[in-house]
């Protein structure tokens, strides 16, 4: 089926838009990889999900723009759209997203610290009586411990004495 030039331009621009969308999805994927630092199996699963999503986007763009027909200019449109996005918008999107995530992390940490503050105060207040009691009890504990070792020390001295006496005979 022959397409007019205006329809071909529309398909080309739609596939360029699809390429820009694919580039944006790739940047989101890169940001998630930077944040979570996945291991091998998780990376494999994430890559698989990424390619399924990218394939879905490409299929949807092709279906809506030209009933799923593959032409050279559709591939060219995807490539040019991805390259344009990568050269013009990618660094701005990534830096803005990283800044927003950093800001969000800072807010969440601040909220958590404010929620934990009463617990920290309670722990601080409970340490004072504990320290006072420990200060009063520890000398008694050390005296009892030293007294408890007297039989062991006496037995050790007796063994030593018996060895020396046995050697002299």
Protein backbone atom coordinates (compact mmCIF):
# COMPACT_ATOMS: atom_id res chain seq x y z
CA UNK A 1 0.00 0.00 0.00
CA UNK A 2 1.46 3.35 -1.02
CA UNK A 3 1.70 6.10 1.56
CA UNK A 4 1.75 9.77 0.81
CA UNK A 5 4.75 11.88 1.77
CA UNK A 6 2.81 13.61 4.55
CA UNK A 7 1.90 10.22 6.06
CA UNK A 8 5.54 9.14 5.85
CA UNK A 9 6.66 12.36 7.56
CA UNK A 10 4.05 11.75 10.27
CA UNK A 11 5.35 8.19 10.78
CA UNK A 12 8.95 9.45 10.84
CA UNK A 13 8.13 12.11 13.46
CA UNK A 14 6.12 9.60 15.51
CA UNK A 15 9.04 7.18 15.51
CA UNK A 16 11.37 10.04 16.48
CA UNK A 17 9.03 10.67 19.40
CA UNK A 18 9.24 6.93 20.19
CA UNK A 19 13.04 7.18 20.13
CA UNK A 20 12.93 10.12 22.55
CA UNK A 21 10.61 8.10 24.81
CA UNK A 22 12.98 5.13 24.63
CA UNK A 23 15.90 7.40 25.56
CA UNK A 24 13.95 8.73 28.55
CA UNK A 25 13.12 5.21 29.71
CA UNK A 26 16.79 4.30 29.37
CA UNK A 27 17.75 7.27 31.56
CA UNK A 28 15.24 6.15 34.20
CA UNK A 29 16.78 2.70 34.03
CA UNK A 30 20.28 4.16 34.48
CA UNK A 31 19.15 6.20 37.49
CA UNK A 32 17.59 3.12 39.10
CA UNK A 33 20.80 1.17 38.51
CA UNK A 34 22.81 3.97 40.15
CA UNK A 35 20.54 4.05 43.18
CA UNK A 36 20.08 0.33 43.86
CA UNK A 37 23.38 -1.13 42.51
CA UNK A 38 21.94 -4.56 41.69
CA UNK A 39 23.85 -7.85 41.66
CA UNK A 40 24.14 -10.16 38.62
CA UNK A 41 20.76 -11.88 38.79
CA UNK A 42 18.91 -8.63 39.56
CA UNK A 43 20.74 -6.94 36.68
CA UNK A 44 19.66 -9.73 34.34
CA UNK A 45 16.03 -9.40 35.46
CA UNK A 46 16.14 -5.60 35.17
CA UNK A 47 17.66 -5.83 31.69
CA UNK A 48 14.95 -8.26 30.65
CA UNK A 49 12.21 -5.96 31.97
CA UNK A 50 13.86 -2.95 30.30
CA UNK A 51 13.93 -4.66 26.90
CA UNK A 52 10.34 -5.84 27.25
CA UNK A 53 9.24 -2.26 28.04
CA UNK A 54 11.30 -0.84 25.16
CA UNK A 55 9.86 -3.42 22.77
CA UNK A 56 6.36 -2.58 23.96
CA UNK A 57 6.94 1.15 23.39
CA UNK A 58 8.31 0.51 19.90
CA UNK A 59 5.40 -1.77 18.99
CA UNK A 60 2.81 0.71 20.30
CA UNK A 61 4.42 3.59 18.40
CA UNK A 62 4.54 1.54 15.22
CA UNK A 63 0.96 0.33 15.57
CA UNK A 64 -0.45 3.79 16.17
CA UNK A 65 1.62 5.57 13.55
CA UNK A 66 1.52 3.22 10.55
CA UNK A 67 -0.33 0.01 11.46
CA UNK A 68 2.88 -1.79 12.44
CA UNK A 69 4.62 -1.60 9.06
CA UNK A 70 8.39 -1.66 9.27
CA UNK A 71 10.22 0.68 6.93
CA UNK A 72 13.77 1.99 6.89
CA UNK A 73 12.66 5.47 7.94
CA UNK A 74 10.91 4.04 11.03
CA UNK A 75 14.20 2.56 12.25
CA UNK A 76 15.91 5.82 11.29
CA UNK A 77 13.29 7.78 13.26
CA UNK A 78 13.84 5.65 16.40
CA UNK A 79 17.62 6.05 16.08
CA UNK A 80 17.52 9.82 15.44
CA UNK A 81 15.03 10.33 18.30
CA UNK A 82 17.24 8.40 20.72
CA UNK A 83 20.38 10.25 19.61
CA UNK A 84 18.66 13.65 19.85
CA UNK A 85 17.40 12.86 23.33
CA UNK A 86 20.81 11.60 24.39
CA UNK A 87 22.62 14.69 23.09
CA UNK A 88 20.10 17.38 24.09
CA UNK A 89 18.12 16.26 27.13
CA UNK A 90 19.77 13.28 28.80
CA UNK A 91 22.30 15.11 30.99
CA UNK A 92 19.66 17.62 32.13
CA UNK A 93 17.13 14.92 32.94
CA UNK A 94 19.66 12.80 34.83
CA UNK A 95 21.08 15.70 36.86
CA UNK A 96 17.58 16.97 37.69
CA UNK A 97 16.38 13.50 38.66
CA UNK A 98 19.44 12.84 40.82
CA UNK A 99 18.99 16.23 42.52
CA UNK A 100 15.30 15.55 43.15
CA UNK A 101 16.06 12.10 44.55
CA UNK A 102 18.81 13.57 46.75
CA UNK A 103 16.40 16.24 47.99
CA UNK A 104 13.71 13.62 48.64
CA UNK A 105 16.23 11.48 50.53
CA UNK A 106 17.23 14.49 52.63
CA UNK A 107 13.58 15.21 53.50
CA UNK A 108 12.91 11.57 54.41
CA UNK A 109 16.02 11.37 56.60
CA UNK A 110 15.01 14.62 58.30
CA UNK A 111 11.52 13.25 59.01
CA UNK A 112 12.94 10.00 60.35
CA UNK A 113 15.34 11.90 62.61
CA UNK A 114 12.47 14.01 63.94
CA UNK A 115 10.43 10.87 64.63
CA UNK A 116 13.36 9.16 66.38
CA UNK A 117 14.32 12.19 68.50
CA UNK A 118 11.90 11.42 71.39
CA UNK A 119 13.23 7.87 71.54
CA UNK A 120 16.81 9.17 71.69
CA UNK A 121 15.83 11.52 74.53
CA UNK A 122 14.23 8.64 76.44
CA UNK A 123 17.40 6.59 76.04
CA UNK A 124 19.54 9.52 77.20
CA UNK A 125 17.38 10.04 80.28
CA UNK A 126 17.44 6.35 81.15
CA UNK A 127 21.26 6.29 80.95
CA UNK A 128 21.72 8.71 83.88
CA UNK A 129 20.14 6.47 86.56
CA UNK A 130 21.92 3.47 85.04
CA UNK A 131 25.32 5.20 85.23
CA UNK A 132 24.67 6.31 88.81
CA UNK A 133 23.68 2.79 89.84
CA UNK A 134 26.65 1.28 88.02
CA UNK A 135 28.98 3.72 89.78
CA UNK A 136 27.59 2.63 93.18
CA UNK A 137 27.47 -1.11 92.46
CA UNK A 138 30.74 -1.70 90.56
CA UNK A 139 33.13 -1.33 93.55
CA UNK A 140 31.07 -3.88 95.48
CA UNK A 141 31.07 -6.18 92.42
CA UNK A 142 34.85 -5.98 92.06
CA UNK A 143 35.37 -6.69 95.79
CA UNK A 144 33.07 -9.74 95.60
CA UNK A 145 34.86 -10.93 92.49
CA UNK A 146 38.25 -10.59 94.16
CA UNK A 147 36.98 -12.42 97.26
CA UNK A 148 35.53 -15.14 95.05
CA UNK A 149 38.95 -15.80 93.52
CA UNK A 150 40.62 -16.38 96.92
CA UNK A 151 39.96 -20.16 97.02
CA UNK A 152 41.34 -20.55 93.49
CA UNK A 153 44.46 -18.55 94.35
CA UNK A 154 44.97 -20.57 97.56
CA UNK A 155 44.61 -23.86 95.65
CA UNK A 156 47.12 -22.65 93.07
CA UNK A 157 49.62 -21.68 95.78
CA UNK A 158 49.18 -25.05 97.50
CA UNK A 159 49.85 -26.90 94.24
CA UNK A 160 53.00 -24.84 93.70
CA UNK A 161 54.16 -25.54 97.23
CA UNK A 162 53.52 -29.27 96.86
CA UNK A 163 55.54 -29.36 93.61
CA UNK A 164 58.47 -27.59 95.20
CA UNK A 165 58.37 -29.88 98.26
CA UNK A 166 58.21 -32.99 96.05
CA UNK A 167 61.22 -31.85 94.05
CA UNK A 168 63.36 -31.42 97.21
CA UNK A 169 62.91 -35.03 98.36
